[in-house]
Protein backbone atom coordinates (compact mmCIF):
# COMPACT_ATOMS: atom_id res chain seq x y z
CA MET A 1 0.00 0.00 0.00
CA GLU A 2 2.85 2.39 0.91
CA GLY A 3 4.48 1.77 -2.45
CA ASP A 4 1.21 2.36 -4.28
CA ILE A 5 0.70 5.70 -2.53
CA LEU A 6 4.23 6.92 -3.21
CA GLY A 7 4.03 5.69 -6.78
CA THR A 8 1.06 7.91 -7.55
CA LEU A 9 2.22 10.86 -5.47
CA LYS A 10 5.59 11.12 -7.18
CA GLU A 11 3.75 12.27 -10.27
CA VAL A 12 2.64 15.47 -8.50
CA ILE A 13 5.31 16.23 -5.89
CA ASP A 14 8.96 15.48 -5.19
CA ILE A 15 8.75 12.32 -3.09
CA ARG A 16 11.40 13.70 -0.72
CA ARG A 17 8.78 16.12 0.52
CA ILE A 18 6.35 13.37 1.53
CA LEU A 19 6.36 11.76 4.99
CA LEU A 20 4.19 8.77 5.94
CA MET A 21 2.76 8.35 9.44
CA GLU A 22 4.36 11.60 10.55
CA PRO A 23 3.74 12.50 14.24
CA MET A 24 1.79 15.75 14.34
CA SER A 25 3.30 16.51 17.74
CA LYS A 26 6.31 17.70 15.73
CA HIS A 27 4.21 20.24 13.85
CA THR A 28 2.00 21.88 16.49
CA THR A 29 2.96 24.35 19.19
CA PHE A 30 0.90 22.28 21.67
CA ARG A 31 3.40 19.45 21.01
CA VAL A 32 0.64 16.84 20.97
CA GLY A 33 -1.05 14.85 18.21
CA GLY A 34 -0.87 11.43 16.62
CA PRO A 35 0.45 10.58 13.15
CA ALA A 36 -0.84 11.93 9.85
CA ASP A 37 -1.22 9.23 7.20
CA ILE A 38 0.52 11.50 4.69
CA PHE A 39 2.38 14.73 5.46
CA ALA A 40 3.23 16.81 2.39
CA MET A 41 5.49 19.85 2.12
CA PRO A 42 5.00 21.29 -1.38
CA ALA A 43 7.79 23.53 -2.67
CA CYS A 44 5.74 25.56 -5.15
CA ILE A 45 2.20 26.33 -6.24
CA ALA A 46 2.35 23.61 -8.90
CA GLU A 47 3.10 20.95 -6.27
CA LEU A 48 0.39 22.35 -4.00
CA GLU A 49 -2.13 22.22 -6.83
CA GLY A 50 -0.97 18.70 -7.64
CA MET A 51 -1.51 17.54 -4.07
CA ILE A 52 -5.02 19.01 -3.96
CA ARG A 53 -5.84 17.41 -7.30
CA TRP A 54 -4.46 14.05 -6.10
CA CYS A 55 -6.59 14.23 -2.95
CA ASN A 56 -9.72 15.06 -4.91
CA GLU A 57 -9.13 12.32 -7.48
CA HIS A 58 -8.56 9.69 -4.76
CA ALA A 59 -11.33 10.97 -2.44
CA VAL A 60 -8.76 11.56 0.31
CA PRO A 61 -9.49 14.30 2.87
CA TYR A 62 -6.82 16.97 3.22
CA TYR A 63 -5.96 19.59 5.80
CA ILE A 64 -3.91 22.74 5.33
CA ILE A 65 -1.61 23.86 8.13
CA GLY A 66 1.06 26.48 8.65
CA ASN A 67 3.09 26.64 11.85
CA GLY A 68 0.47 24.66 13.82
CA SER A 69 0.21 27.46 16.38
CA ASN A 70 -3.58 27.40 16.67
CA LEU A 71 -4.06 23.67 16.23
CA LEU A 72 -4.97 20.66 18.36
CA VAL A 73 -4.60 17.27 16.68
CA GLY A 74 -6.23 14.15 18.12
CA ASP A 75 -4.14 11.42 19.75
CA GLU A 76 -5.13 8.94 17.04
CA GLY A 77 -3.78 11.25 14.36
CA ILE A 78 -5.20 12.27 11.01
CA ARG A 79 -6.62 9.98 8.37
CA GLY A 80 -5.79 11.65 5.11
CA VAL A 81 -3.26 14.23 3.99
CA VAL A 82 -1.79 17.16 5.89
CA ILE A 83 -0.35 19.80 3.57
CA GLN A 84 2.03 22.23 5.22
CA ILE A 85 2.42 25.70 3.72
CA GLY A 86 5.85 26.39 5.13
CA GLU A 87 9.35 27.63 4.39
CA ALA A 88 9.02 27.23 0.62
CA PHE A 89 6.21 29.80 0.71
CA SER A 90 7.90 32.42 2.88
CA GLY A 91 8.99 35.09 0.41
CA ILE A 92 8.62 38.82 1.05
CA GLU A 93 8.71 41.62 -1.50
CA ILE A 94 8.54 45.32 -0.75
CA GLY A 95 6.05 47.02 -3.04
CA GLU A 96 5.18 50.62 -3.86
CA ASP A 97 3.18 53.05 -1.72
CA ASN A 98 4.10 51.39 1.60
CA THR A 99 2.93 47.92 0.61
CA ILE A 100 4.49 44.51 1.20
CA TRP A 101 3.73 41.24 -0.60
CA VAL A 102 4.09 38.30 1.80
CA GLN A 103 3.71 34.62 0.91
CA ALA A 104 1.46 32.51 3.11
CA GLY A 105 4.16 30.44 4.78
CA CYS A 106 6.07 33.45 6.10
CA MET A 107 6.08 33.82 9.88
CA LEU A 108 4.36 36.94 11.17
CA SER A 109 7.44 37.80 13.23
CA LYS A 110 9.62 37.78 10.09
CA ALA A 111 7.20 39.95 8.12
CA ALA A 112 6.92 42.43 10.99
CA LYS A 113 10.71 42.62 11.26
CA VAL A 114 11.10 43.30 7.53
CA ALA A 115 8.39 45.97 7.74
CA ALA A 116 10.23 47.65 10.62
CA GLU A 117 13.52 47.55 8.72
CA HIS A 118 11.81 49.46 5.90
CA SER A 119 10.25 51.99 8.32
CA LEU A 120 6.73 50.67 7.70
CA THR A 121 4.33 50.81 10.63
CA GLY A 122 1.03 49.04 11.30
CA MET A 123 2.20 45.49 11.84
CA GLU A 124 3.70 45.85 15.30
CA PHE A 125 0.72 44.11 16.96
CA ALA A 126 1.49 40.90 15.03
CA SER A 127 5.21 40.72 15.70
CA GLY A 128 4.85 38.27 18.58
CA ILE A 129 2.09 36.05 17.23
CA PRO A 130 3.71 32.63 16.58
CA GLY A 131 1.97 31.84 13.33
CA THR A 132 2.22 32.27 9.58
CA ILE A 133 0.63 34.97 7.47
CA GLY A 134 -1.69 32.39 5.89
CA GLY A 135 -3.06 31.20 9.21
CA ALA A 136 -3.35 34.76 10.46
CA VAL A 137 -5.44 35.74 7.44
CA MET A 138 -7.68 32.69 7.77
CA MET A 139 -8.60 33.53 11.38
CA ASN A 140 -8.14 37.30 11.20
CA ALA A 141 -5.58 37.07 13.97
CA GLY A 142 -5.20 40.01 16.29
CA ALA A 143 -3.55 41.32 19.44
CA TYR A 144 -3.15 44.55 21.37
CA GLY A 145 -5.90 46.36 19.50
CA GLY A 146 -4.86 45.36 15.98
CA GLU A 147 -6.22 42.76 13.56
CA MET A 148 -5.04 41.45 10.21
CA LYS A 149 -8.03 43.00 8.47
CA ASP A 150 -6.66 46.43 9.41
CA ILE A 151 -3.53 46.02 7.28
CA ILE A 152 -4.64 43.82 4.36
CA ASP A 153 -5.09 45.25 0.89
CA CYS A 154 -5.85 41.99 -0.94
CA VAL A 155 -5.30 38.23 -0.70
CA THR A 156 -4.31 35.72 -3.38
CA LEU A 157 -6.19 32.44 -2.86
CA LEU A 158 -6.38 28.94 -4.30
CA THR A 159 -9.93 27.63 -4.51
CA PRO A 160 -10.90 23.96 -3.99
CA ALA A 161 -11.47 23.80 -7.76
CA GLY A 162 -7.85 24.77 -8.39
CA GLU A 163 -8.53 28.36 -9.51
CA ILE A 164 -6.28 31.19 -8.31
CA ILE A 165 -8.25 34.30 -7.37
CA ILE A 166 -7.41 37.64 -5.77
CA LEU A 167 -9.91 39.14 -3.33
CA PRO A 168 -9.73 42.71 -2.02
CA GLN A 169 -10.00 43.24 1.73
CA ASP A 170 -13.70 44.15 1.61
CA GLN A 171 -14.55 40.78 0.02
CA MET A 172 -12.67 38.69 2.59
CA GLU A 173 -15.63 38.66 5.02
CA PHE A 174 -13.40 39.32 8.00
CA GLY A 175 -14.99 38.91 11.41
CA TYR A 176 -13.80 38.10 14.88
CA ARG A 177 -11.33 35.24 14.35
CA ASN A 178 -12.79 34.21 11.01
CA SER A 179 -12.82 35.03 7.31
CA ILE A 180 -14.02 33.74 3.97
CA VAL A 181 -10.96 31.43 3.84
CA SER A 182 -12.33 28.85 6.26
CA LYS A 183 -15.92 29.30 5.07
CA GLU A 184 -15.07 28.46 1.45
CA ASN A 185 -12.12 26.11 2.11
CA TYR A 186 -9.74 28.44 0.28
CA ILE A 187 -5.96 28.26 0.65
CA VAL A 188 -4.05 31.49 1.19
CA LEU A 189 -1.10 31.85 -1.20
CA GLU A 190 -0.02 35.46 -0.78
CA VAL A 191 -1.10 38.64 0.97
CA LYS A 192 -0.62 42.28 0.05
CA LEU A 193 -0.27 44.38 3.20
CA GLN A 194 -0.97 48.11 3.23
CA LEU A 195 1.18 49.78 5.88
CA GLN A 196 2.18 53.36 6.66
CA GLN A 197 5.47 55.21 6.65
CA GLY A 198 7.00 55.47 10.11
CA ASN A 199 10.27 55.63 12.00
CA SER A 200 12.20 52.35 12.16
CA LYS A 201 13.51 52.98 15.68
CA THR A 202 10.06 53.88 17.00
CA ILE A 203 8.55 50.82 15.34
CA ALA A 204 11.25 48.51 16.75
CA GLU A 205 10.76 49.97 20.22
CA ARG A 206 7.01 49.39 20.06
CA MET A 207 7.61 45.78 19.00
CA ARG A 208 9.98 45.31 21.94
CA GLU A 209 7.37 46.73 24.32
CA LEU A 210 4.65 44.39 23.06
CA ASN A 211 6.91 41.34 23.14
CA GLU A 212 8.00 42.17 26.68
CA ALA A 213 4.34 42.44 27.67
CA ARG A 214 3.73 39.00 26.18
CA ARG A 215 6.62 37.51 28.13
CA GLU A 216 5.34 39.04 31.36
CA LYS A 217 1.68 38.13 30.95
CA GLN A 218 1.61 34.95 28.87
CA PRO A 219 2.93 31.44 29.73
CA LEU A 220 5.43 31.31 26.89
CA GLU A 221 7.56 28.85 28.85
CA TYR A 222 5.10 26.02 28.13
CA PRO A 223 3.75 24.59 24.86
CA SER A 224 0.29 25.94 24.05
CA ALA A 225 -1.85 27.12 21.17
CA GLY A 226 -2.14 30.68 22.40
CA SER A 227 -5.50 31.93 23.61
CA THR A 228 -7.65 28.84 23.96
CA PHE A 229 -11.03 30.57 23.90
CA LYS A 230 -12.56 33.36 21.89
CA ARG A 231 -13.39 36.54 23.76
CA PRO A 232 -17.10 36.39 24.66
CA GLU A 233 -18.93 39.65 24.02
CA GLY A 234 -18.72 41.88 27.06
CA TYR A 235 -16.26 39.65 28.94
CA PHE A 236 -12.68 38.42 29.03
CA ALA A 237 -12.30 34.65 28.86
CA GLY A 238 -9.28 34.57 31.16
CA LYS A 239 -11.03 36.54 33.92
CA LEU A 240 -14.15 34.38 33.72
CA ILE A 241 -12.02 31.25 34.10
CA MET A 242 -10.05 32.73 37.00
CA ASP A 243 -13.21 33.95 38.76
CA ALA A 244 -14.68 30.46 38.35
CA GLY A 245 -11.80 29.19 40.50
CA LEU A 246 -10.03 27.31 37.73
CA SER A 247 -6.59 28.91 37.80
CA GLY A 248 -4.11 26.03 37.77
CA TYR A 249 -6.83 23.44 37.15
CA ARG A 250 -5.23 20.35 35.71
CA VAL A 251 -6.21 17.25 33.73
CA GLY A 252 -3.24 14.94 33.21
CA GLY A 253 -0.50 17.00 31.61
CA ALA A 254 -2.84 19.83 30.57
CA GLN A 255 -3.34 22.84 32.81
CA VAL A 256 -5.14 26.17 32.93
CA SER A 257 -2.19 28.53 33.16
CA GLU A 258 -1.79 30.25 36.49
CA LYS A 259 -0.04 33.09 34.70
CA HIS A 260 -2.91 33.72 32.28
CA CYS A 261 -6.12 31.72 32.67
CA GLY A 262 -7.02 32.22 29.02
CA PHE A 263 -4.26 29.78 28.09
CA VAL A 264 -4.32 26.00 28.35
CA VAL A 265 -0.74 24.74 28.49
CA ASN A 266 1.04 21.44 28.12
CA ARG A 267 2.92 20.98 31.39
CA GLY A 268 4.61 17.86 30.03
CA ASN A 269 3.36 14.74 28.27
CA ALA A 270 -0.16 16.09 27.88
CA THR A 271 -2.40 14.22 25.47
CA ALA A 272 -5.02 15.71 23.20
CA LYS A 273 -7.58 13.90 25.34
CA ASP A 274 -6.25 15.71 28.44
CA ILE A 275 -6.61 19.05 26.68
CA VAL A 276 -10.09 18.36 25.31
CA THR A 277 -11.30 17.15 28.71
CA LEU A 278 -9.90 20.24 30.38
CA ILE A 279 -11.55 22.52 27.81
CA HIS A 280 -14.87 20.75 28.39
CA ASP A 281 -14.53 21.13 32.16
CA VAL A 282 -13.69 24.82 31.87
CA ARG A 283 -16.62 25.51 29.57
CA SER A 284 -19.00 23.66 31.86
CA ARG A 285 -17.84 25.49 34.99
CA VAL A 286 -17.98 28.94 33.38
CA GLU A 287 -21.40 28.22 31.87
CA GLU A 288 -22.68 27.02 35.24
CA THR A 289 -21.20 29.94 37.15
CA PHE A 290 -21.71 32.88 34.80
CA GLN A 291 -24.11 31.60 32.08
CA VAL A 292 -21.48 32.40 29.46
CA ASP A 293 -20.51 29.91 26.76
CA LEU A 294 -16.79 29.97 26.03
CA GLU A 295 -16.18 29.06 22.40
CA PRO A 296 -12.80 27.49 21.64
CA GLU A 297 -10.53 29.56 19.44
CA ILE A 298 -8.22 26.68 18.62
CA ARG A 299 -8.84 24.49 15.58
CA MET A 300 -9.30 20.78 16.34
CA ILE A 301 -8.64 18.20 13.65
CA GLY A 302 -8.01 14.47 13.48
CA ASP A 303 -9.25 11.51 15.48
CA PHE A 304 -9.86 11.98 19.20
CA THR A 305 -10.34 9.08 21.61
């Protein structure tokens, strides 16, 4: 069976960029997750299109990931194909009129650094978010009062039918932690950012301030997927969890961070089941105590026991 799979895949992608039964714990910031049947790392748009076409022709489900920073994969892994938009899609090009073209696999921190080096302001809020541009666009990532929708001019997308389209910002259907990307199962290829002229030293100082605030307030010393829950209207998830008496609450190796209750962290050898159980317990307690439903912000894929 393995030979049959590789035999057909080599027609669409360099076989050296295919891994079988690859542990997803290596590809998520939570550091948990069972094996993916097939893990593909396309090096160009042609290989990406080939992988999507192969999946469609063979009725194999596929999942697109970037840095895995907002992802929880089940302990039993993923049946199907995981396609990582990574280093091969990380180019940056400075455009005219304070714009930057950034490929989907580029880390936000890298893009923000390049913007600062060119005295372009507006991206400071994203400099410490541990994800890729593609993932940030998909979920309209934000922090410290800024969101991706505020700095996007247009987005180049690959549709499930294999068509490449460019959508302007006002057609991206940006909302709180969502966009048209997930609704239509699009794949982000490239983003045009519209920034403003600024002072490189001032920009760098602001980035340092925000990153220092993250280090002080967030449990960066443990694996996590960032903020575990969306912000409920009129409330702060972390405060609700703390006021419900759940600071430090633990299930196996998963724990509600004592440093910031909005984060679930892996204190060591946590399983996806530990994390899911903890999330369920937290939601139940907050619902019971405050009649507020906490909706998970993290994306859950794969088989859970």
